[in-house]
C-alpha cells in the first residue's frame, strides 16, 4: 500500500524508466512499420525488433515487481494501491499526466477516476 506522497515519490524515481519505455515503444512501432512496408529500417531489422521487445518487457516487469500495477502500455497506465477516506483506492497515472493527480476506488476501475 502506498500513501499518495509515497506513490508520487516512487513515480518521480520511476519516471526516467517510463520515459525510456515510451521511447523504445515508439522505436519498436516505427521499426515494425518499416519492416512490414519496406523490409528494412534505419532502426535495424528483426534482431533489433526482438531486442526492443525484450527491453520493453523487462521494464514492464521491473515496474510490476515494485508493487505497481501496470494496466496499460500504449498508453502507459500505472496504478498504485492505496487508501483514501478509509477505502481501498488506486492512485492512477496515465501517460501524459505530469504527476499522479487521479485516483479511483479499487472496485470501480478506470471509469471511476476522480481528480485528487
PDB file of N, CA and C in Angstrom:
ATOM      1  N   UNK A   1       0.847  -1.188   0.000  1.00  0.00           N
ATOM      2  CA  UNK A   1       0.000   0.000   0.000  1.00  0.00           C
ATOM      3  C   UNK A   1       0.888   1.246   0.000  1.00  0.00           C
ATOM      4  N   UNK A   2       0.484   2.209  -0.786  1.00  0.00           N
ATOM      5  CA  UNK A   2       1.201   3.467  -0.893  1.00  0.00           C
ATOM      6  C   UNK A   2       0.312   4.597  -0.389  1.00  0.00           C
ATOM      7  N   UNK A   3       0.877   5.508   0.388  1.00  0.00           N
ATOM      8  CA  UNK A   3       0.186   6.772   0.614  1.00  0.00           C
ATOM      9  C   UNK A   3       0.316   7.560  -0.684  1.00  0.00           C
ATOM     10  N   UNK A   4      -0.445   8.618  -0.825  1.00  0.00           N
ATOM     11  CA  UNK A   4      -0.327   9.444  -2.026  1.00  0.00           C
ATOM     12  C   UNK A   4       1.092  10.002  -2.140  1.00  0.00           C
ATOM     13  N   UNK A   5       1.644  10.476  -1.033  1.00  0.00           N
ATOM     14  CA  UNK A   5       3.008  11.030  -1.059  1.00  0.00           C
ATOM     15  C   UNK A   5       4.022   9.964  -1.473  1.00  0.00           C
ATOM     16  N   UNK A   6       3.878   8.750  -0.958  1.00  0.00           N
ATOM     17  CA  UNK A   6       4.790   7.661  -1.331  1.00  0.00           C
ATOM     18  C   UNK A   6       4.645   7.302  -2.809  1.00  0.00           C
ATOM     19  N   UNK A   7       3.420   7.258  -3.294  1.00  0.00           N
ATOM     20  CA  UNK A   7       3.192   6.943  -4.704  1.00  0.00           C
ATOM     21  C   UNK A   7       3.833   8.008  -5.587  1.00  0.00           C
ATOM     22  N   UNK A   8       3.661   9.276  -5.226  1.00  0.00           N
ATOM     23  CA  UNK A   8       4.259  10.352  -6.020  1.00  0.00           C
ATOM     24  C   UNK A   8       5.784  10.300  -5.982  1.00  0.00           C
ATOM     25  N   UNK A   9       6.338  10.012  -4.821  1.00  0.00           N
ATOM     26  CA  UNK A   9       7.798   9.902  -4.693  1.00  0.00           C
ATOM     27  C   UNK A   9       8.318   8.732  -5.529  1.00  0.00           C
ATOM     28  N   UNK A  10       7.639   7.607  -5.432  1.00  0.00           N
ATOM     29  CA  UNK A  10       8.041   6.431  -6.208  1.00  0.00           C
ATOM     30  C   UNK A  10       7.937   6.712  -7.696  1.00  0.00           C
ATOM     31  N   UNK A  11       6.842   7.343  -8.110  1.00  0.00           N
ATOM     32  CA  UNK A  11       6.649   7.665  -9.512  1.00  0.00           C
ATOM     33  C   UNK A  11       7.755   8.592 -10.023  1.00  0.00           C
ATOM     34  N   UNK A  12       8.121   9.589  -9.232  1.00  0.00           N
ATOM     35  CA  UNK A  12       9.182  10.519  -9.638  1.00  0.00           C
ATOM     36  C   UNK A  12      10.488   9.766  -9.893  1.00  0.00           C
ATOM     37  N   UNK A  13      10.791   8.791  -9.048  1.00  0.00           N
ATOM     38  CA  UNK A  13      12.004   7.990  -9.234  1.00  0.00           C
ATOM     39  C   UNK A  13      11.886   7.074 -10.450  1.00  0.00           C
ATOM     40  N   UNK A  14      10.695   6.647 -10.754  1.00  0.00           N
ATOM     41  CA  UNK A  14      10.442   5.719 -11.860  1.00  0.00           C
ATOM     42  C   UNK A  14      10.346   6.423 -13.219  1.00  0.00           C
ATOM     43  N   UNK A  15      10.123   7.716 -13.205  1.00  0.00           N
ATOM     44  CA  UNK A  15       9.858   8.475 -14.436  1.00  0.00           C
ATOM     45  C   UNK A  15      10.917   8.277 -15.525  1.00  0.00           C
ATOM     46  N   UNK A  16      12.215   8.260 -15.223  1.00  0.00           N
ATOM     47  CA  UNK A  16      13.188   8.024 -16.307  1.00  0.00           C
ATOM     48  C   UNK A  16      13.003   6.668 -16.990  1.00  0.00           C
ATOM     49  N   UNK A  17      12.660   5.645 -16.225  1.00  0.00           N
ATOM     50  CA  UNK A  17      12.423   4.321 -16.817  1.00  0.00           C
ATOM     51  C   UNK A  17      11.176   4.344 -17.689  1.00  0.00           C
ATOM     52  N   UNK A  18      10.161   5.078 -17.259  1.00  0.00           N
ATOM     53  CA  UNK A  18       8.930   5.178 -18.044  1.00  0.00           C
ATOM     54  C   UNK A  18       9.217   5.920 -19.350  1.00  0.00           C
ATOM     55  N   UNK A  19      10.010   6.981 -19.286  1.00  0.00           N
ATOM     56  CA  UNK A  19      10.380   7.709 -20.494  1.00  0.00           C
ATOM     57  C   UNK A  19      11.158   6.809 -21.456  1.00  0.00           C
ATOM     58  N   UNK A  20      12.041   5.979 -20.903  1.00  0.00           N
ATOM     59  CA  UNK A  20      12.776   5.009 -21.727  1.00  0.00           C
ATOM     60  C   UNK A  20      11.795   4.057 -22.398  1.00  0.00           C
ATOM     61  N   UNK A  21      10.829   3.564 -21.643  1.00  0.00           N
ATOM     62  CA  UNK A  21       9.828   2.648 -22.182  1.00  0.00           C
ATOM     63  C   UNK A  21       9.058   3.311 -23.332  1.00  0.00           C
ATOM     64  N   UNK A  22       8.653   4.560 -23.152  1.00  0.00           N
ATOM     65  CA  UNK A  22       7.882   5.267 -24.173  1.00  0.00           C
ATOM     66  C   UNK A  22       8.711   5.450 -25.443  1.00  0.00           C
ATOM     67  N   UNK A  23       9.972   5.817 -25.283  1.00  0.00           N
ATOM     68  CA  UNK A  23      10.855   5.997 -26.439  1.00  0.00           C
ATOM     69  C   UNK A  23      11.061   4.686 -27.176  1.00  0.00           C
ATOM     70  N   UNK A  24      11.349   3.638 -26.440  1.00  0.00           N
ATOM     71  CA  UNK A  24      11.596   2.337 -27.071  1.00  0.00           C
ATOM     72  C   UNK A  24      10.322   1.761 -27.678  1.00  0.00           C
ATOM     73  N   UNK A  25       9.168   2.050 -27.076  1.00  0.00           N
ATOM     74  CA  UNK A  25       7.897   1.609 -27.651  1.00  0.00           C
ATOM     75  C   UNK A  25       7.691   2.266 -29.011  1.00  0.00           C
ATOM     76  N   UNK A  26       7.997   3.575 -29.113  1.00  0.00           N
ATOM     77  CA  UNK A  26       7.866   4.290 -30.383  1.00  0.00           C
ATOM     78  C   UNK A  26       8.864   3.753 -31.411  1.00  0.00           C
ATOM     79  N   UNK A  27      10.097   3.493 -30.968  1.00  0.00           N
ATOM     80  CA  UNK A  27      11.098   2.911 -31.877  1.00  0.00           C
ATOM     81  C   UNK A  27      10.616   1.575 -32.426  1.00  0.00           C
ATOM     82  N   UNK A  28      10.066   0.749 -31.553  1.00  0.00           N
ATOM     83  CA  UNK A  28       9.584  -0.559 -31.978  1.00  0.00           C
ATOM     84  C   UNK A  28       8.435  -0.430 -32.975  1.00  0.00           C
ATOM     85  N   UNK A  29       7.520   0.495 -32.730  1.00  0.00           N
ATOM     86  CA  UNK A  29       6.400   0.699 -33.651  1.00  0.00           C
ATOM     87  C   UNK A  29       6.912   1.127 -35.022  1.00  0.00           C
ATOM     88  N   UNK A  30       7.857   2.058 -35.057  1.00  0.00           N
ATOM     89  CA  UNK A  30       8.411   2.508 -36.327  1.00  0.00           C
ATOM     90  C   UNK A  30       9.188   1.399 -37.024  1.00  0.00           C
ATOM     91  N   UNK A  31       9.970   0.656 -36.253  1.00  0.00           N
ATOM     92  CA  UNK A  31      10.749  -0.443 -36.818  1.00  0.00           C
ATOM     93  C   UNK A  31       9.830  -1.490 -37.443  1.00  0.00           C
ATOM     94  N   UNK A  32       8.785  -1.879 -36.722  1.00  0.00           N
ATOM     95  CA  UNK A  32       7.837  -2.863 -37.258  1.00  0.00           C
ATOM     96  C   UNK A  32       7.148  -2.355 -38.520  1.00  0.00           C
ATOM     97  N   UNK A  33       6.745  -1.068 -38.505  1.00  0.00           N
ATOM     98  CA  UNK A  33       6.070  -0.498 -39.682  1.00  0.00           C
ATOM     99  C   UNK A  33       7.012  -0.477 -40.885  1.00  0.00           C
ATOM    100  N   UNK A  34       8.254  -0.058 -40.657  1.00  0.00           N
ATOM    101  CA  UNK A  34       9.232  -0.034 -41.750  1.00  0.00           C
ATOM    102  C   UNK A  34       9.466  -1.428 -42.309  1.00  0.00           C
ATOM    103  N   UNK A  35       9.638  -2.398 -41.437  1.00  0.00           N
ATOM    104  CA  UNK A  35       9.900  -3.761 -41.889  1.00  0.00           C
ATOM    105  C   UNK A  35       8.710  -4.318 -42.676  1.00  0.00           C
ATOM    106  N   UNK A  36       7.508  -4.023 -42.197  1.00  0.00           N
ATOM    107  CA  UNK A  36       6.310  -4.514 -42.879  1.00  0.00           C
ATOM    108  C   UNK A  36       6.138  -3.851 -44.253  1.00  0.00           C
ATOM    109  N   UNK A  37       6.461  -2.578 -44.348  1.00  0.00           N
ATOM    110  CA  UNK A  37       6.246  -1.846 -45.594  1.00  0.00           C
ATOM    111  C   UNK A  37       7.397  -1.973 -46.581  1.00  0.00           C
ATOM    112  N   UNK A  38       8.629  -1.974 -46.058  1.00  0.00           N
ATOM    113  CA  UNK A  38       9.794  -1.891 -46.940  1.00  0.00           C
ATOM    114  C   UNK A  38      10.785  -3.040 -46.771  1.00  0.00           C
ATOM    115  N   UNK A  39      10.606  -3.849 -45.741  1.00  0.00           N
ATOM    116  CA  UNK A  39      11.532  -4.948 -45.495  1.00  0.00           C
ATOM    117  C   UNK A  39      12.839  -4.519 -44.863  1.00  0.00           C
ATOM    118  N   UNK A  40      12.981  -3.219 -44.594  1.00  0.00           N
ATOM    119  CA  UNK A  40      14.182  -2.705 -43.945  1.00  0.00           C
ATOM    120  C   UNK A  40      13.832  -1.433 -43.188  1.00  0.00           C
ATOM    121  N   UNK A  41      14.739  -1.033 -42.295  1.00  0.00           N
ATOM    122  CA  UNK A  41      14.511   0.153 -41.488  1.00  0.00           C
ATOM    123  C   UNK A  41      15.837   0.738 -41.045  1.00  0.00           C
ATOM    124  N   UNK A  42      15.906   2.051 -40.922  1.00  0.00           N
ATOM    125  CA  UNK A  42      17.115   2.651 -40.363  1.00  0.00           C
ATOM    126  C   UNK A  42      17.324   2.237 -38.905  1.00  0.00           C
ATOM    127  N   UNK A  43      16.266   1.744 -38.263  1.00  0.00           N
ATOM    128  CA  UNK A  43      16.357   1.311 -36.868  1.00  0.00           C
ATOM    129  C   UNK A  43      16.845  -0.123 -36.733  1.00  0.00           C
ATOM    130  N   UNK A  44      17.002  -0.834 -37.837  1.00  0.00           N
ATOM    131  CA  UNK A  44      17.506  -2.198 -37.775  1.00  0.00           C
ATOM    132  C   UNK A  44      16.573  -3.185 -38.435  1.00  0.00           C
ATOM    133  N   UNK A  45      16.712  -4.413 -38.004  1.00  0.00           N
ATOM    134  CA  UNK A  45      15.924  -5.494 -38.570  1.00  0.00           C
ATOM    135  C   UNK A  45      15.217  -6.288 -37.493  1.00  0.00           C
ATOM    136  N   UNK A  46      14.958  -7.545 -37.811  1.00  0.00           N
ATOM    137  CA  UNK A  46      14.226  -8.416 -36.891  1.00  0.00           C
ATOM    138  C   UNK A  46      14.952  -8.577 -35.555  1.00  0.00           C
ATOM    139  N   UNK A  47      16.267  -8.698 -35.581  1.00  0.00           N
ATOM    140  CA  UNK A  47      17.022  -8.856 -34.334  1.00  0.00           C
ATOM    141  C   UNK A  47      16.846  -7.640 -33.427  1.00  0.00           C
ATOM    142  N   UNK A  48      16.867  -6.451 -34.012  1.00  0.00           N
ATOM    143  CA  UNK A  48      16.685  -5.227 -33.220  1.00  0.00           C
ATOM    144  C   UNK A  48      15.253  -5.134 -32.682  1.00  0.00           C
ATOM    145  N   UNK A  49      14.293  -5.584 -33.488  1.00  0.00           N
ATOM    146  CA  UNK A  49      12.904  -5.596 -33.021  1.00  0.00           C
ATOM    147  C   UNK A  49      12.755  -6.525 -31.820  1.00  0.00           C
ATOM    148  N   UNK A  50      13.342  -7.697 -31.907  1.00  0.00           N
ATOM    149  CA  UNK A  50      13.274  -8.649 -30.785  1.00  0.00           C
ATOM    150  C   UNK A  50      13.966  -8.082 -29.553  1.00  0.00           C
ATOM    151  N   UNK A  51      15.082  -7.389 -29.743  1.00  0.00           N
ATOM    152  CA  UNK A  51      15.800  -6.789 -28.614  1.00  0.00           C
ATOM    153  C   UNK A  51      14.958  -5.697 -27.957  1.00  0.00           C
ATOM    154  N   UNK A  52      14.295  -4.871 -28.770  1.00  0.00           N
ATOM    155  CA  UNK A  52      13.418  -3.838 -28.215  1.00  0.00           C
ATOM    156  C   UNK A  52      12.261  -4.462 -27.444  1.00  0.00           C
ATOM    157  N   UNK A  53      11.660  -5.502 -28.004  1.00  0.00           N
ATOM    158  CA  UNK A  53      10.572  -6.191 -27.308  1.00  0.00           C
ATOM    159  C   UNK A  53      11.044  -6.711 -25.956  1.00  0.00           C
ATOM    160  N   UNK A  54      12.229  -7.289 -25.922  1.00  0.00           N
ATOM    161  CA  UNK A  54      12.770  -7.828 -24.676  1.00  0.00           C
ATOM    162  C   UNK A  54      13.007  -6.713 -23.664  1.00  0.00           C
ATOM    163  N   UNK A  55      13.528  -5.576 -24.110  1.00  0.00           N
ATOM    164  CA  UNK A  55      13.764  -4.459 -23.188  1.00  0.00           C
ATOM    165  C   UNK A  55      12.454  -3.899 -22.662  1.00  0.00           C
ATOM    166  N   UNK A  56      11.452  -3.781 -23.528  1.00  0.00           N
ATOM    167  CA  UNK A  56      10.141  -3.299 -23.078  1.00  0.00           C
ATOM    168  C   UNK A  56       9.550  -4.233 -22.032  1.00  0.00           C
ATOM    169  N   UNK A  57       9.599  -5.520 -22.305  1.00  0.00           N
ATOM    170  CA  UNK A  57       9.075  -6.499 -21.355  1.00  0.00           C
ATOM    171  C   UNK A  57       9.824  -6.401 -20.022  1.00  0.00           C
ATOM    172  N   UNK A  58      11.140  -6.229 -20.070  1.00  0.00           N
ATOM    173  CA  UNK A  58      11.945  -6.148 -18.852  1.00  0.00           C
ATOM    174  C   UNK A  58      11.566  -4.924 -18.019  1.00  0.00           C
ATOM    175  N   UNK A  59      11.348  -3.775 -18.663  1.00  0.00           N
ATOM    176  CA  UNK A  59      10.964  -2.569 -17.925  1.00  0.00           C
ATOM    177  C   UNK A  59       9.580  -2.755 -17.305  1.00  0.00           C
ATOM    178  N   UNK A  60       8.640  -3.305 -18.059  1.00  0.00           N
ATOM    179  CA  UNK A  60       7.296  -3.542 -17.514  1.00  0.00           C
ATOM    180  C   UNK A  60       7.339  -4.506 -16.334  1.00  0.00           C
ATOM    181  N   UNK A  61       8.154  -5.533 -16.446  1.00  0.00           N
ATOM    182  CA  UNK A  61       8.290  -6.496 -15.350  1.00  0.00           C
ATOM    183  C   UNK A  61       8.941  -5.841 -14.129  1.00  0.00           C
ATOM    184  N   UNK A  62       9.955  -5.031 -14.362  1.00  0.00           N
ATOM    185  CA  UNK A  62      10.631  -4.317 -13.271  1.00  0.00           C
ATOM    186  C   UNK A  62       9.644  -3.436 -12.508  1.00  0.00           C
ATOM    187  N   UNK A  63       8.785  -2.727 -13.243  1.00  0.00           N
ATOM    188  CA  UNK A  63       7.784  -1.868 -12.605  1.00  0.00           C
ATOM    189  C   UNK A  63       6.805  -2.712 -11.800  1.00  0.00           C
ATOM    190  N   UNK A  64       6.319  -3.796 -12.374  1.00  0.00           N
ATOM    191  CA  UNK A  64       5.358  -4.675 -11.688  1.00  0.00           C
ATOM    192  C   UNK A  64       5.933  -5.264 -10.411  1.00  0.00           C
ATOM    193  N   UNK A  65       7.218  -5.555 -10.416  1.00  0.00           N
ATOM    194  CA  UNK A  65       7.867  -6.138  -9.231  1.00  0.00           C
ATOM    195  C   UNK A  65       7.939  -5.155  -8.073  1.00  0.00           C
ATOM    196  N   UNK A  66       7.658  -3.883  -8.328  1.00  0.00           N
ATOM    197  CA  UNK A  66       7.704  -2.858  -7.289  1.00  0.00           C
ATOM    198  C   UNK A  66       6.317  -2.580  -6.703  1.00  0.00           C
ATOM    199  N   UNK A  67       5.420  -3.534  -6.860  1.00  0.00           N
ATOM    200  CA  UNK A  67       4.053  -3.449  -6.336  1.00  0.00           C
ATOM    201  C   UNK A  67       3.208  -2.388  -7.046  1.00  0.00           C
ATOM    202  N   UNK A  68       3.648  -1.960  -8.217  1.00  0.00           N
ATOM    203  CA  UNK A  68       2.883  -1.033  -9.041  1.00  0.00           C
ATOM    204  C   UNK A  68       2.144  -1.869 -10.079  1.00  0.00           C
ATOM    205  N   UNK A  69       0.872  -1.578 -10.260  1.00  0.00           N
ATOM    206  CA  UNK A  69       0.081  -2.317 -11.234  1.00  0.00           C
ATOM    207  C   UNK A  69       0.194  -1.647 -12.602  1.00  0.00           C
ATOM    208  N   UNK A  70       0.703  -2.386 -13.574  1.00  0.00           N
ATOM    209  CA  UNK A  70       0.787  -1.885 -14.948  1.00  0.00           C
ATOM    210  C   UNK A  70      -0.515  -2.275 -15.635  1.00  0.00           C
ATOM    211  N   UNK A  71      -1.339  -1.285 -15.942  1.00  0.00           N
ATOM    212  CA  UNK A  71      -2.648  -1.545 -16.532  1.00  0.00           C
ATOM    213  C   UNK A  71      -2.659  -1.326 -18.041  1.00  0.00           C
ATOM    214  N   UNK A  72      -1.636  -0.644 -18.544  1.00  0.00           N
ATOM    215  CA  UNK A  72      -1.560  -0.410 -19.971  1.00  0.00           C
ATOM    216  C   UNK A  72      -0.148  -0.049 -20.373  1.00  0.00           C
ATOM    217  N   UNK A  73       0.128  -0.264 -21.649  1.00  0.00           N
ATOM    218  CA  UNK A  73       1.475   0.001 -22.125  1.00  0.00           C
ATOM    219  C   UNK A  73       1.464   0.974 -23.302  1.00  0.00           C
ATOM    220  N   UNK A  74       0.325   1.151 -23.936  1.00  0.00           N
ATOM    221  CA  UNK A  74       0.200   2.119 -25.028  1.00  0.00           C
ATOM    222  C   UNK A  74      -1.220   2.673 -25.025  1.00  0.00           C
ATOM    223  N   UNK A  75      -1.501   3.670 -24.251  1.00  0.00           N
ATOM    224  CA  UNK A  75      -0.606   4.454 -23.417  1.00  0.00           C
ATOM    225  C   UNK A  75      -0.267   3.735 -22.109  1.00  0.00           C
ATOM    226  N   UNK A  76       0.823   4.184 -21.489  1.00  0.00           N
ATOM    227  CA  UNK A  76       1.220   3.619 -20.202  1.00  0.00           C
ATOM    228  C   UNK A  76       0.203   4.065 -19.152  1.00  0.00           C
ATOM    229  N   UNK A  77      -0.268   3.102 -18.381  1.00  0.00           N
ATOM    230  CA  UNK A  77      -1.219   3.362 -17.306  1.00  0.00           C
ATOM    231  C   UNK A  77      -0.748   2.595 -16.082  1.00  0.00           C
ATOM    232  N   UNK A  78      -0.470   3.326 -14.996  1.00  0.00           N
ATOM    233  CA  UNK A  78       0.020   2.718 -13.767  1.00  0.00           C
ATOM    234  C   UNK A  78      -0.933   3.011 -12.624  1.00  0.00           C
ATOM    235  N   UNK A  79      -1.132   2.023 -11.764  1.00  0.00           N
ATOM    236  CA  UNK A  79      -1.936   2.178 -10.559  1.00  0.00           C
ATOM    237  C   UNK A  79      -1.109   1.790  -9.343  1.00  0.00           C
ATOM    238  N   UNK A  80      -1.170   2.633  -8.326  1.00  0.00           N
ATOM    239  CA  UNK A  80      -0.504   2.387  -7.050  1.00  0.00           C
ATOM    240  C   UNK A  80      -1.582   2.085  -6.008  1.00  0.00           C
ATOM    241  N   UNK A  81      -1.594   0.891  -5.433  1.00  0.00           N
ATOM    242  CA  UNK A  81      -2.600   0.591  -4.413  1.00  0.00           C
ATOM    243  C   UNK A  81      -2.429   1.486  -3.190  1.00  0.00           C
ATOM    244  N   UNK A  82      -3.538   1.988  -2.689  1.00  0.00           N
ATOM    245  CA  UNK A  82      -3.502   2.837  -1.509  1.00  0.00           C
ATOM    246  C   UNK A  82      -4.852   2.868  -0.817  1.00  0.00           C
ATOM    247  N   UNK A  83      -5.025   3.885  -0.002  1.00  0.00           N
ATOM    248  CA  UNK A  83      -6.272   4.043   0.747  1.00  0.00           C
ATOM    249  C   UNK A  83      -6.621   5.524   0.797  1.00  0.00           C
ATOM    250  N   UNK A  84      -7.901   5.828   0.609  1.00  0.00           N
ATOM    251  CA  UNK A  84      -8.391   7.209   0.657  1.00  0.00           C
ATOM    252  C   UNK A  84      -9.728   7.198   1.371  1.00  0.00           C
ATOM    253  N   UNK A  85      -9.846   7.983   2.419  1.00  0.00           N
ATOM    254  CA  UNK A  85     -11.078   8.043   3.220  1.00  0.00           C
ATOM    255  C   UNK A  85     -11.520   6.660   3.677  1.00  0.00           C
ATOM    256  N   UNK A  86     -10.555   5.820   4.044  1.00  0.00           N
ATOM    257  CA  UNK A  86     -10.856   4.500   4.583  1.00  0.00           C
ATOM    258  C   UNK A  86     -11.230   3.452   3.548  1.00  0.00           C
ATOM    259  N   UNK A  87     -11.139   3.778   2.276  1.00  0.00           N
ATOM    260  CA  UNK A  87     -11.484   2.837   1.204  1.00  0.00           C
ATOM    261  C   UNK A  87     -10.251   2.497   0.396  1.00  0.00           C
ATOM    262  N   UNK A  88     -10.169   1.250  -0.086  1.00  0.00           N
ATOM    263  CA  UNK A  88      -9.069   0.904  -0.983  1.00  0.00           C
ATOM    264  C   UNK A  88      -9.210   1.654  -2.306  1.00  0.00           C
ATOM    265  N   UNK A  89      -8.129   2.297  -2.713  1.00  0.00           N
ATOM    266  CA  UNK A  89      -8.116   3.037  -3.971  1.00  0.00           C
ATOM    267  C   UNK A  89      -6.847   2.692  -4.743  1.00  0.00           C
ATOM    268  N   UNK A  90      -6.813   3.147  -5.966  1.00  0.00           N
ATOM    269  CA  UNK A  90      -5.619   3.063  -6.781  1.00  0.00           C
ATOM    270  C   UNK A  90      -5.265   4.482  -7.203  1.00  0.00           C
ATOM    271  N   UNK A  91      -4.068   4.922  -6.795  1.00  0.00           N
ATOM    272  CA  UNK A  91      -3.544   6.214  -7.242  1.00  0.00           C
ATOM    273  C   UNK A  91      -3.130   5.999  -8.690  1.00  0.00           C
ATOM    274  N   UNK A  92      -3.660   6.784  -9.583  1.00  0.00           N
ATOM    275  CA  UNK A  92      -3.618   6.469 -11.003  1.00  0.00           C
ATOM    276  C   UNK A  92      -2.776   7.481 -11.789  1.00  0.00           C
ATOM    277  N   UNK A  93      -1.868   6.963 -12.621  1.00  0.00           N
ATOM    278  CA  UNK A  93      -1.099   7.804 -13.537  1.00  0.00           C
ATOM    279  C   UNK A  93      -1.303   7.291 -14.953  1.00  0.00           C
ATOM    280  N   UNK A  94      -1.650   8.194 -15.858  1.00  0.00           N
ATOM    281  CA  UNK A  94      -1.843   7.891 -17.274  1.00  0.00           C
ATOM    282  C   UNK A  94      -0.816   8.685 -18.068  1.00  0.00           C
ATOM    283  N   UNK A  95      -0.177   8.023 -19.008  1.00  0.00           N
ATOM    284  CA  UNK A  95       0.806   8.688 -19.865  1.00  0.00           C
ATOM    285  C   UNK A  95       0.258  10.035 -20.330  1.00  0.00           C
ATOM    286  N   UNK A  96       1.072  11.059 -20.171  1.00  0.00           N
ATOM    287  CA  UNK A  96       0.662  12.422 -20.500  1.00  0.00           C
ATOM    288  C   UNK A  96       0.405  13.254 -19.263  1.00  0.00           C
ATOM    289  N   UNK A  97       0.056  12.600 -18.145  1.00  0.00           N
ATOM    290  CA  UNK A  97      -0.117  13.310 -16.882  1.00  0.00           C
ATOM    291  C   UNK A  97       1.252  13.721 -16.352  1.00  0.00           C
ATOM    292  N   UNK A  98       1.328  14.905 -15.747  1.00  0.00           N
ATOM    293  CA  UNK A  98       2.591  15.362 -15.161  1.00  0.00           C
ATOM    294  C   UNK A  98       2.938  14.596 -13.889  1.00  0.00           C
ATOM    295  N   UNK A  99       1.928  14.254 -13.129  1.00  0.00           N
ATOM    296  CA  UNK A  99       2.122  13.610 -11.830  1.00  0.00           C
ATOM    297  C   UNK A  99       0.906  12.724 -11.573  1.00  0.00           C
ATOM    298  N   UNK A 100       0.913  12.063 -10.449  1.00  0.00           N
ATOM    299  CA  UNK A 100      -0.268  11.288 -10.043  1.00  0.00           C
ATOM    300  C   UNK A 100      -1.293  12.303  -9.542  1.00  0.00           C
ATOM    301  N   UNK A 101      -2.336  12.514 -10.308  1.00  0.00           N
ATOM    302  CA  UNK A 101      -3.349  13.511  -9.988  1.00  0.00           C
ATOM    303  C   UNK A 101      -4.750  12.933  -9.942  1.00  0.00           C
ATOM    304  N   UNK A 102      -4.852  11.618 -10.090  1.00  0.00           N
ATOM    305  CA  UNK A 102      -6.149  10.953 -10.145  1.00  0.00           C
ATOM    306  C   UNK A 102      -6.123   9.729  -9.229  1.00  0.00           C
ATOM    307  N   UNK A 103      -7.294   9.305  -8.848  1.00  0.00           N
ATOM    308  CA  UNK A 103      -7.450   8.047  -8.115  1.00  0.00           C
ATOM    309  C   UNK A 103      -8.794   7.456  -8.502  1.00  0.00           C
ATOM    310  N   UNK A 104      -8.943   6.197  -8.211  1.00  0.00           N
ATOM    311  CA  UNK A 104     -10.262   5.572  -8.341  1.00  0.00           C
ATOM    312  C   UNK A 104     -10.356   4.467  -7.320  1.00  0.00           C
ATOM    313  N   UNK A 105     -11.582   4.207  -6.897  1.00  0.00           N
ATOM    314  CA  UNK A 105     -11.786   3.090  -5.978  1.00  0.00           C
ATOM    315  C   UNK A 105     -11.303   1.825  -6.649  1.00  0.00           C
ATOM    316  N   UNK A 106     -10.758   0.934  -5.855  1.00  0.00           N
ATOM    317  CA  UNK A 106     -10.221  -0.316  -6.393  1.00  0.00           C
ATOM    318  C   UNK A 106     -11.302  -1.135  -7.089  1.00  0.00           C
ATOM    319  N   UNK A 107     -12.539  -1.001  -6.653  1.00  0.00           N
ATOM    320  CA  UNK A 107     -13.626  -1.795  -7.232  1.00  0.00           C
ATOM    321  C   UNK A 107     -14.334  -1.098  -8.392  1.00  0.00           C
ATOM    322  N   UNK A 108     -13.901   0.098  -8.776  1.00  0.00           N
ATOM    323  CA  UNK A 108     -14.565   0.840  -9.851  1.00  0.00           C
ATOM    324  C   UNK A 108     -13.751   0.914 -11.132  1.00  0.00           C
ATOM    325  N   UNK A 109     -12.460   0.733 -11.049  1.00  0.00           N
ATOM    326  CA  UNK A 109     -11.633   0.776 -12.244  1.00  0.00           C
ATOM    327  C   UNK A 109     -11.527   2.159 -12.855  1.00  0.00           C
ATOM    328  N   UNK A 110     -10.943   2.189 -14.045  1.00  0.00           N
ATOM    329  CA  UNK A 110     -10.655   3.440 -14.741  1.00  0.00           C
ATOM    330  C   UNK A 110     -11.877   4.349 -14.912  1.00  0.00           C
ATOM    331  N   UNK A 111     -13.076   3.806 -15.191  1.00  0.00           N
ATOM    332  CA  UNK A 111     -14.238   4.688 -15.340  1.00  0.00           C
ATOM    333  C   UNK A 111     -14.575   5.466 -14.070  1.00  0.00           C
ATOM    334  N   UNK A 112     -14.084   5.008 -12.924  1.00  0.00           N
ATOM    335  CA  UNK A 112     -14.353   5.691 -11.665  1.00  0.00           C
ATOM    336  C   UNK A 112     -13.289   6.717 -11.285  1.00  0.00           C
ATOM    337  N   UNK A 113     -12.386   7.047 -12.212  1.00  0.00           N
ATOM    338  CA  UNK A 113     -11.305   8.013 -11.918  1.00  0.00           C
ATOM    339  C   UNK A 113     -11.862   9.362 -11.474  1.00  0.00           C
ATOM    340  N   UNK A 114     -11.200   9.897 -10.454  1.00  0.00           N
ATOM    341  CA  UNK A 114     -11.546  11.218  -9.951  1.00  0.00           C
ATOM    342  C   UNK A 114     -10.254  12.014  -9.731  1.00  0.00           C
ATOM    343  N   UNK A 115     -10.317  13.325  -9.897  1.00  0.00           N
ATOM    344  CA  UNK A 115      -9.131  14.129  -9.569  1.00  0.00           C
ATOM    345  C   UNK A 115      -8.894  14.104  -8.066  1.00  0.00           C
ATOM    346  N   UNK A 116      -7.634  14.141  -7.693  1.00  0.00           N
ATOM    347  CA  UNK A 116      -7.296  14.143  -6.260  1.00  0.00           C
ATOM    348  C   UNK A 116      -7.606  15.522  -5.694  1.00  0.00           C
TER     349      UNK A 116
END
